[in-house]
Amino acid sequence: MSDTAAVLSVHDLACARGERTLFTGMNFSLGQGQLLLVQGGNGRGKTSLLRLLTGLAHPLAGEIRWRGRALADGRELFHREMAYLGHLNGIKDELTPVENLRLAGDLEGMPMDQATAERALTDIGLARCLDLPCRVLSFGQRRRVALAGLVASGSLLWILDEPLTGLDVHGVAMVEGLLRDHVGAGGMVVMTTHQPLALDGLAVVPLLVGPALTRPEPGNQEEPACCAS
């Protein structure tokens, strides 16, 4: 993929955890309508890479660029266009799902009215839980609250760390549908997952994280061999 089409790009990135170097010399670019599937064995740096991309951590070396501008110099624009879902759901258990979505919108400077929040939650299968405190919901239901917030954010780039955690087979199918809709509409996704996903028809760019880094051509959906854990 040419640099002119890149919205997110990584240049000679290196990452360390403590005294251990996880990876060096990482380069890739991603444009609208593409999904970067980050793969590799446990402890190889998948989550660390996602934290670098969100700006939650700093690289040992190299640079991350958003719309051609170094992330360090353009965080405000980047954070307006990026949404992150990590291992934790990032919701407040004492609030209802509706209150959580509206609070998140306020914090992000994108106020959300009651009807919009209710519609987003209903669309993701939580119509019966709108007025319940999140502390009484199952983990899978709380995960759906977080996913509803992701969709409602309107962000161009989704960064997802194991988004299928806690979801049953119906929840996995729902996430597959969300990914297809988002990427199909020109959105971008960077994600990790240990579970198989049906992503047929999407432009998937596999990235292997570990001692040997490879980046197959965009659209190649053959899964490369992962590093040993």
C-alpha atoms as a PDB file:
ATOM      1  CA  MET A   1       0.000   0.000   0.000  1.00  0.00           C
ATOM      2  CA  SER A   2       1.391   3.387  -0.954  1.00  0.00           C
ATOM      3  CA  ASP A   3       2.139   6.034   1.615  1.00  0.00           C
ATOM      4  CA  THR A   4      -0.232   8.445  -0.151  1.00  0.00           C
ATOM      5  CA  ALA A   5      -3.152   6.160   0.795  1.00  0.00           C
ATOM      6  CA  ALA A   6      -1.992   5.661   4.371  1.00  0.00           C
ATOM      7  CA  VAL A   7      -3.920   7.254   7.205  1.00  0.00           C
ATOM      8  CA  LEU A   8      -2.086   5.392   9.979  1.00  0.00           C
ATOM      9  CA  SER A   9       1.570   4.509   9.478  1.00  0.00           C
ATOM     10  CA  VAL A  10       4.351   3.077  11.635  1.00  0.00           C
ATOM     11  CA  HIS A  11       8.027   3.691  10.900  1.00  0.00           C
ATOM     12  CA  ASP A  12      10.900   1.621  12.352  1.00  0.00           C
ATOM     13  CA  LEU A  13       8.987   1.127  15.597  1.00  0.00           C
ATOM     14  CA  ALA A  14      10.653  -0.594  18.541  1.00  0.00           C
ATOM     15  CA  CYS A  15       9.091  -1.580  21.840  1.00  0.00           C
ATOM     16  CA  ALA A  16      10.524  -2.739  25.155  1.00  0.00           C
ATOM     17  CA  ARG A  17       8.932  -4.044  28.334  1.00  0.00           C
ATOM     18  CA  GLY A  18      11.255  -3.571  31.238  1.00  0.00           C
ATOM     19  CA  GLU A  19      14.691  -4.669  30.036  1.00  0.00           C
ATOM     20  CA  ARG A  20      13.273  -6.965  27.354  1.00  0.00           C
ATOM     21  CA  THR A  21      12.944  -5.766  23.758  1.00  0.00           C
ATOM     22  CA  LEU A  22       9.718  -7.117  22.274  1.00  0.00           C
ATOM     23  CA  PHE A  23      10.207  -6.026  18.681  1.00  0.00           C
ATOM     24  CA  THR A  24      12.234  -3.650  16.521  1.00  0.00           C
ATOM     25  CA  GLY A  25      12.087  -2.330  12.975  1.00  0.00           C
ATOM     26  CA  MET A  26       8.303  -2.534  12.641  1.00  0.00           C
ATOM     27  CA  ASN A  27       6.846  -0.807   9.581  1.00  0.00           C
ATOM     28  CA  PHE A  28       3.288  -0.856   8.248  1.00  0.00           C
ATOM     29  CA  SER A  29       0.606   1.438   6.907  1.00  0.00           C
ATOM     30  CA  LEU A  30      -3.170   1.268   6.962  1.00  0.00           C
ATOM     31  CA  GLY A  31      -5.791   3.107   4.961  1.00  0.00           C
ATOM     32  CA  GLN A  32      -9.547   3.482   5.082  1.00  0.00           C
ATOM     33  CA  GLY A  33     -11.458   0.268   4.489  1.00  0.00           C
ATOM     34  CA  GLN A  34      -8.726  -1.958   5.934  1.00  0.00           C
ATOM     35  CA  LEU A  35      -8.363  -4.119   9.040  1.00  0.00           C
ATOM     36  CA  LEU A  36      -4.948  -4.849  10.556  1.00  0.00           C
ATOM     37  CA  LEU A  37      -5.037  -8.224  12.331  1.00  0.00           C
ATOM     38  CA  VAL A  38      -2.161  -8.334  14.843  1.00  0.00           C
ATOM     39  CA  GLN A  39      -1.007 -11.897  15.483  1.00  0.00           C
ATOM     40  CA  GLY A  40       1.681 -13.624  17.515  1.00  0.00           C
ATOM     41  CA  GLY A  41       2.296 -15.807  20.548  1.00  0.00           C
ATOM     42  CA  ASN A  42       1.694 -14.794  24.131  1.00  0.00           C
ATOM     43  CA  GLY A  43       4.125 -12.204  25.427  1.00  0.00           C
ATOM     44  CA  ARG A  44       5.334 -11.183  21.962  1.00  0.00           C
ATOM     45  CA  GLY A  45       4.056  -7.611  22.198  1.00  0.00           C
ATOM     46  CA  LYS A  46       0.566  -7.508  20.683  1.00  0.00           C
ATOM     47  CA  THR A  47      -1.017  -5.561  23.526  1.00  0.00           C
ATOM     48  CA  SER A  48       2.117  -3.434  23.860  1.00  0.00           C
ATOM     49  CA  LEU A  49       1.806  -2.460  20.187  1.00  0.00           C
ATOM     50  CA  LEU A  50      -1.810  -1.442  20.667  1.00  0.00           C
ATOM     51  CA  ARG A  51      -0.872   0.670  23.674  1.00  0.00           C
ATOM     52  CA  LEU A  52       1.745   2.432  21.551  1.00  0.00           C
ATOM     53  CA  LEU A  53      -0.823   3.092  18.830  1.00  0.00           C
ATOM     54  CA  THR A  54      -3.284   4.605  21.303  1.00  0.00           C
ATOM     55  CA  GLY A  55      -0.620   6.827  22.855  1.00  0.00           C
ATOM     56  CA  LEU A  56      -0.882   5.100  26.241  1.00  0.00           C
ATOM     57  CA  ALA A  57       2.795   4.108  26.005  1.00  0.00           C
ATOM     58  CA  HIS A  58       5.879   5.456  24.255  1.00  0.00           C
ATOM     59  CA  PRO A  59       8.054   3.536  21.784  1.00  0.00           C
ATOM     60  CA  LEU A  60      11.673   2.666  22.404  1.00  0.00           C
ATOM     61  CA  ALA A  61      12.398   3.992  18.909  1.00  0.00           C
ATOM     62  CA  GLY A  62      10.572   4.906  15.728  1.00  0.00           C
ATOM     63  CA  GLU A  63       7.488   6.955  14.971  1.00  0.00           C
ATOM     64  CA  ILE A  64       3.724   6.594  14.563  1.00  0.00           C
ATOM     65  CA  ARG A  65       1.965   8.949  12.159  1.00  0.00           C
ATOM     66  CA  TRP A  66      -1.699   9.826  11.745  1.00  0.00           C
ATOM     67  CA  ARG A  67      -2.649  11.538   8.502  1.00  0.00           C
ATOM     68  CA  GLY A  68       1.037  12.087   7.840  1.00  0.00           C
ATOM     69  CA  ARG A  69       1.684  13.859  11.129  1.00  0.00           C
ATOM     70  CA  ALA A  70       3.693  12.431  14.012  1.00  0.00           C
ATOM     71  CA  LEU A  71       1.344  11.185  16.705  1.00  0.00           C
ATOM     72  CA  ALA A  72       3.355  13.045  19.333  1.00  0.00           C
ATOM     73  CA  ASP A  73       2.482  16.316  17.574  1.00  0.00           C
ATOM     74  CA  GLY A  74      -1.151  15.614  16.719  1.00  0.00           C
ATOM     75  CA  ARG A  75      -2.711  13.731  19.615  1.00  0.00           C
ATOM     76  CA  GLU A  76      -5.824  15.898  19.803  1.00  0.00           C
ATOM     77  CA  LEU A  77      -6.849  15.174  16.206  1.00  0.00           C
ATOM     78  CA  PHE A  78      -5.930  11.499  16.569  1.00  0.00           C
ATOM     79  CA  HIS A  79      -7.957  11.009  19.742  1.00  0.00           C
ATOM     80  CA  ARG A  80     -10.994  12.612  18.119  1.00  0.00           C
ATOM     81  CA  GLU A  81     -10.845   9.978  15.377  1.00  0.00           C
ATOM     82  CA  MET A  82      -9.803   6.920  17.407  1.00  0.00           C
ATOM     83  CA  ALA A  83     -11.702   4.679  19.824  1.00  0.00           C
ATOM     84  CA  TYR A  84     -10.015   2.025  21.981  1.00  0.00           C
ATOM     85  CA  LEU A  85     -11.446  -1.074  23.608  1.00  0.00           C
ATOM     86  CA  GLY A  86      -9.000  -3.013  25.772  1.00  0.00           C
ATOM     87  CA  HIS A  87      -9.256  -6.025  28.059  1.00  0.00           C
ATOM     88  CA  LEU A  88     -11.323  -3.979  30.508  1.00  0.00           C
ATOM     89  CA  ASN A  89     -14.680  -2.620  29.403  1.00  0.00           C
ATOM     90  CA  GLY A  90     -14.115   0.882  30.729  1.00  0.00           C
ATOM     91  CA  ILE A  91     -17.640   1.293  32.090  1.00  0.00           C
ATOM     92  CA  LYS A  92     -18.881   2.351  35.508  1.00  0.00           C
ATOM     93  CA  ASP A  93     -20.793  -0.422  37.269  1.00  0.00           C
ATOM     94  CA  GLU A  94     -23.009   1.949  39.285  1.00  0.00           C
ATOM     95  CA  LEU A  95     -24.364   3.581  36.109  1.00  0.00           C
ATOM     96  CA  THR A  96     -26.887   2.160  33.652  1.00  0.00           C
ATOM     97  CA  PRO A  97     -25.813   1.338  30.093  1.00  0.00           C
ATOM     98  CA  VAL A  98     -27.523   4.507  28.859  1.00  0.00           C
ATOM     99  CA  GLU A  99     -25.783   6.632  31.479  1.00  0.00           C
ATOM    100  CA  ASN A 100     -22.432   5.060  30.595  1.00  0.00           C
ATOM    101  CA  LEU A 101     -22.778   5.888  26.905  1.00  0.00           C
ATOM    102  CA  ARG A 102     -23.894   9.451  27.601  1.00  0.00           C
ATOM    103  CA  LEU A 103     -21.049   9.984  30.077  1.00  0.00           C
ATOM    104  CA  ALA A 104     -18.512   8.680  27.567  1.00  0.00           C
ATOM    105  CA  GLY A 105     -19.896  11.047  24.951  1.00  0.00           C
ATOM    106  CA  ASP A 106     -19.587  14.008  27.310  1.00  0.00           C
ATOM    107  CA  LEU A 107     -16.003  13.105  28.207  1.00  0.00           C
ATOM    108  CA  GLU A 108     -15.094  12.853  24.525  1.00  0.00           C
ATOM    109  CA  GLY A 109     -16.724  16.185  23.707  1.00  0.00           C
ATOM    110  CA  MET A 110     -19.470  14.484  21.698  1.00  0.00           C
ATOM    111  CA  PRO A 111     -22.695  14.757  23.742  1.00  0.00           C
ATOM    112  CA  MET A 112     -25.218  11.988  23.142  1.00  0.00           C
ATOM    113  CA  ASP A 113     -28.935  12.328  23.785  1.00  0.00           C
ATOM    114  CA  GLN A 114     -31.060   9.689  25.519  1.00  0.00           C
ATOM    115  CA  ALA A 115     -32.666   8.399  22.338  1.00  0.00           C
ATOM    116  CA  THR A 116     -29.337   7.925  20.541  1.00  0.00           C
ATOM    117  CA  ALA A 117     -27.870   6.016  23.478  1.00  0.00           C
ATOM    118  CA  GLU A 118     -30.939   3.790  23.766  1.00  0.00           C
ATOM    119  CA  ARG A 119     -30.909   3.049  20.030  1.00  0.00           C
ATOM    120  CA  ALA A 120     -27.209   2.096  20.064  1.00  0.00           C
ATOM    121  CA  LEU A 121     -27.747  -0.279  22.978  1.00  0.00           C
ATOM    122  CA  THR A 122     -30.914  -1.773  21.499  1.00  0.00           C
ATOM    123  CA  ASP A 123     -29.136  -2.436  18.204  1.00  0.00           C
ATOM    124  CA  ILE A 124     -26.479  -4.422  20.038  1.00  0.00           C
ATOM    125  CA  GLY A 125     -28.987  -6.592  21.916  1.00  0.00           C
ATOM    126  CA  LEU A 126     -29.391  -4.802  25.251  1.00  0.00           C
ATOM    127  CA  ALA A 127     -32.968  -3.522  24.967  1.00  0.00           C
ATOM    128  CA  ARG A 128     -33.959  -5.226  28.238  1.00  0.00           C
ATOM    129  CA  CYS A 129     -31.017  -3.818  30.187  1.00  0.00           C
ATOM    130  CA  LEU A 130     -31.256  -0.088  29.501  1.00  0.00           C
ATOM    131  CA  ASP A 131     -32.281   0.925  33.031  1.00  0.00           C
ATOM    132  CA  LEU A 132     -30.289  -1.641  35.019  1.00  0.00           C
ATOM    133  CA  PRO A 133     -27.047  -0.750  36.800  1.00  0.00           C
ATOM    134  CA  CYS A 134     -24.155  -2.352  34.939  1.00  0.00           C
ATOM    135  CA  ARG A 135     -23.016  -4.148  38.082  1.00  0.00           C
ATOM    136  CA  VAL A 136     -25.919  -6.628  37.706  1.00  0.00           C
ATOM    137  CA  LEU A 137     -25.120  -7.416  34.076  1.00  0.00           C
ATOM    138  CA  SER A 138     -23.081 -10.416  32.989  1.00  0.00           C
ATOM    139  CA  PHE A 139     -19.557  -9.869  31.684  1.00  0.00           C
ATOM    140  CA  GLY A 140     -20.785 -10.476  28.151  1.00  0.00           C
ATOM    141  CA  GLN A 141     -23.528  -7.873  28.572  1.00  0.00           C
ATOM    142  CA  ARG A 142     -21.041  -5.340  29.946  1.00  0.00           C
ATOM    143  CA  ARG A 143     -18.855  -6.101  26.939  1.00  0.00           C
ATOM    144  CA  ARG A 144     -21.805  -5.251  24.702  1.00  0.00           C
ATOM    145  CA  VAL A 145     -22.203  -1.923  26.500  1.00  0.00           C
ATOM    146  CA  ALA A 146     -18.582  -1.123  25.682  1.00  0.00           C
ATOM    147  CA  LEU A 147     -19.082  -2.194  22.061  1.00  0.00           C
ATOM    148  CA  ALA A 148     -22.183  -0.011  21.773  1.00  0.00           C
ATOM    149  CA  GLY A 149     -20.102   2.930  22.932  1.00  0.00           C
ATOM    150  CA  LEU A 150     -17.499   2.083  20.312  1.00  0.00           C
ATOM    151  CA  VAL A 151     -20.074   2.148  17.520  1.00  0.00           C
ATOM    152  CA  ALA A 152     -21.781   5.274  18.825  1.00  0.00           C
ATOM    153  CA  SER A 153     -18.470   7.150  18.998  1.00  0.00           C
ATOM    154  CA  GLY A 154     -18.391   7.541  15.221  1.00  0.00           C
ATOM    155  CA  SER A 155     -14.597   7.092  15.267  1.00  0.00           C
ATOM    156  CA  LEU A 156     -12.742   6.343  12.041  1.00  0.00           C
ATOM    157  CA  LEU A 157     -10.182   4.051  13.716  1.00  0.00           C
ATOM    158  CA  TRP A 158     -11.092   1.277  16.138  1.00  0.00           C
ATOM    159  CA  ILE A 159      -8.256  -0.253  18.189  1.00  0.00           C
ATOM    160  CA  LEU A 160      -9.479  -3.486  19.757  1.00  0.00           C
ATOM    161  CA  ASP A 161      -7.577  -5.767  22.120  1.00  0.00           C
ATOM    162  CA  GLU A 162      -9.296  -9.178  22.282  1.00  0.00           C
ATOM    163  CA  PRO A 163     -12.812  -7.755  21.689  1.00  0.00           C
ATOM    164  CA  LEU A 164     -14.424 -11.228  21.734  1.00  0.00           C
ATOM    165  CA  THR A 165     -13.578 -11.873  25.398  1.00  0.00           C
ATOM    166  CA  GLY A 166     -16.689 -12.903  27.336  1.00  0.00           C
ATOM    167  CA  LEU A 167     -18.952 -13.169  24.289  1.00  0.00           C
ATOM    168  CA  ASP A 168     -20.959 -16.243  23.312  1.00  0.00           C
ATOM    169  CA  VAL A 169     -21.331 -17.470  19.738  1.00  0.00           C
ATOM    170  CA  HIS A 170     -24.085 -14.926  19.075  1.00  0.00           C
ATOM    171  CA  GLY A 171     -21.913 -12.136  20.445  1.00  0.00           C
ATOM    172  CA  VAL A 172     -19.012 -13.193  18.210  1.00  0.00           C
ATOM    173  CA  ALA A 173     -21.303 -13.111  15.172  1.00  0.00           C
ATOM    174  CA  MET A 174     -22.460  -9.656  16.239  1.00  0.00           C
ATOM    175  CA  VAL A 175     -18.861  -8.384  16.435  1.00  0.00           C
ATOM    176  CA  GLU A 176     -18.141  -9.848  12.994  1.00  0.00           C
ATOM    177  CA  GLY A 177     -21.098  -7.870  11.685  1.00  0.00           C
ATOM    178  CA  LEU A 178     -19.889  -4.669  13.355  1.00  0.00           C
ATOM    179  CA  LEU A 179     -16.442  -5.112  11.814  1.00  0.00           C
ATOM    180  CA  ARG A 180     -17.875  -5.727   8.359  1.00  0.00           C
ATOM    181  CA  ASP A 181     -20.119  -2.675   8.600  1.00  0.00           C
ATOM    182  CA  HIS A 182     -17.366  -0.398   9.915  1.00  0.00           C
ATOM    183  CA  VAL A 183     -14.641  -1.448   7.485  1.00  0.00           C
ATOM    184  CA  GLY A 184     -17.091  -1.708   4.605  1.00  0.00           C
ATOM    185  CA  ALA A 185     -18.090   1.920   5.198  1.00  0.00           C
ATOM    186  CA  GLY A 186     -14.469   3.059   4.995  1.00  0.00           C
ATOM    187  CA  GLY A 187     -13.563   2.669   8.641  1.00  0.00           C
ATOM    188  CA  MET A 188     -10.277   1.264   9.939  1.00  0.00           C
ATOM    189  CA  VAL A 189      -9.584  -1.409  12.557  1.00  0.00           C
ATOM    190  CA  VAL A 190      -6.449  -2.573  14.362  1.00  0.00           C
ATOM    191  CA  MET A 191      -7.187  -5.614  16.499  1.00  0.00           C
ATOM    192  CA  THR A 192      -5.898  -8.703  18.257  1.00  0.00           C
ATOM    193  CA  THR A 193      -7.832 -11.888  18.898  1.00  0.00           C
ATOM    194  CA  HIS A 194      -7.077 -15.486  19.837  1.00  0.00           C
ATOM    195  CA  GLN A 195     -10.446 -16.611  18.449  1.00  0.00           C
ATOM    196  CA  PRO A 196     -11.241 -17.276  14.796  1.00  0.00           C
ATOM    197  CA  LEU A 197     -13.231 -14.609  12.982  1.00  0.00           C
ATOM    198  CA  ALA A 198     -15.176 -14.825   9.736  1.00  0.00           C
ATOM    199  CA  LEU A 199     -13.838 -11.773   7.890  1.00  0.00           C
ATOM    200  CA  ASP A 200     -14.464 -12.882   4.312  1.00  0.00           C
ATOM    201  CA  GLY A 201     -14.741  -9.967   1.932  1.00  0.00           C
ATOM    202  CA  LEU A 202     -12.759  -7.538   4.098  1.00  0.00           C
ATOM    203  CA  ALA A 203      -9.336  -6.142   3.253  1.00  0.00           C
ATOM    204  CA  VAL A 204      -7.387  -7.838   6.044  1.00  0.00           C
ATOM    205  CA  VAL A 205      -3.697  -7.033   6.577  1.00  0.00           C
ATOM    206  CA  PRO A 206      -2.077  -9.656   8.872  1.00  0.00           C
ATOM    207  CA  LEU A 207       0.822  -8.446  11.018  1.00  0.00           C
ATOM    208  CA  LEU A 208       2.987 -10.962  12.866  1.00  0.00           C
ATOM    209  CA  VAL A 209       4.530  -9.562  16.051  1.00  0.00           C
ATOM    210  CA  GLY A 210       7.639 -11.262  17.350  1.00  0.00           C
ATOM    211  CA  PRO A 211      11.262 -11.862  16.387  1.00  0.00           C
ATOM    212  CA  ALA A 212      10.349 -11.930  12.666  1.00  0.00           C
ATOM    213  CA  LEU A 213       7.923  -9.256  11.462  1.00  0.00           C
ATOM    214  CA  THR A 214       6.053  -9.681   8.211  1.00  0.00           C
ATOM    215  CA  ARG A 215       3.414  -7.661   6.427  1.00  0.00           C
ATOM    216  CA  PRO A 216       1.684  -9.456   3.568  1.00  0.00           C
ATOM    217  CA  GLU A 217       0.030  -7.462   0.833  1.00  0.00           C
ATOM    218  CA  PRO A 218      -3.341  -5.882   1.785  1.00  0.00           C
ATOM    219  CA  GLY A 219      -6.260  -8.170   1.108  1.00  0.00           C
ATOM    220  CA  ASN A 220      -4.279 -11.364   1.653  1.00  0.00           C
ATOM    221  CA  GLN A 221      -6.350 -13.223   4.227  1.00  0.00           C
ATOM    222  CA  GLU A 222      -4.142 -16.269   4.634  1.00  0.00           C
ATOM    223  CA  GLU A 223      -3.218 -16.513   8.285  1.00  0.00           C
ATOM    224  CA  PRO A 224       0.551 -16.534   8.811  1.00  0.00           C
ATOM    225  CA  ALA A 225       2.075 -18.921  11.318  1.00  0.00           C
ATOM    226  CA  CYS A 226       2.143 -17.318  14.741  1.00  0.00           C
ATOM    227  CA  CYS A 227       5.163 -17.230  16.960  1.00  0.00           C
ATOM    228  CA  ALA A 228       5.428 -19.934  19.568  1.00  0.00           C
ATOM    229  CA  SER A 229       4.225 -18.865  22.977  1.00  0.00           C
END
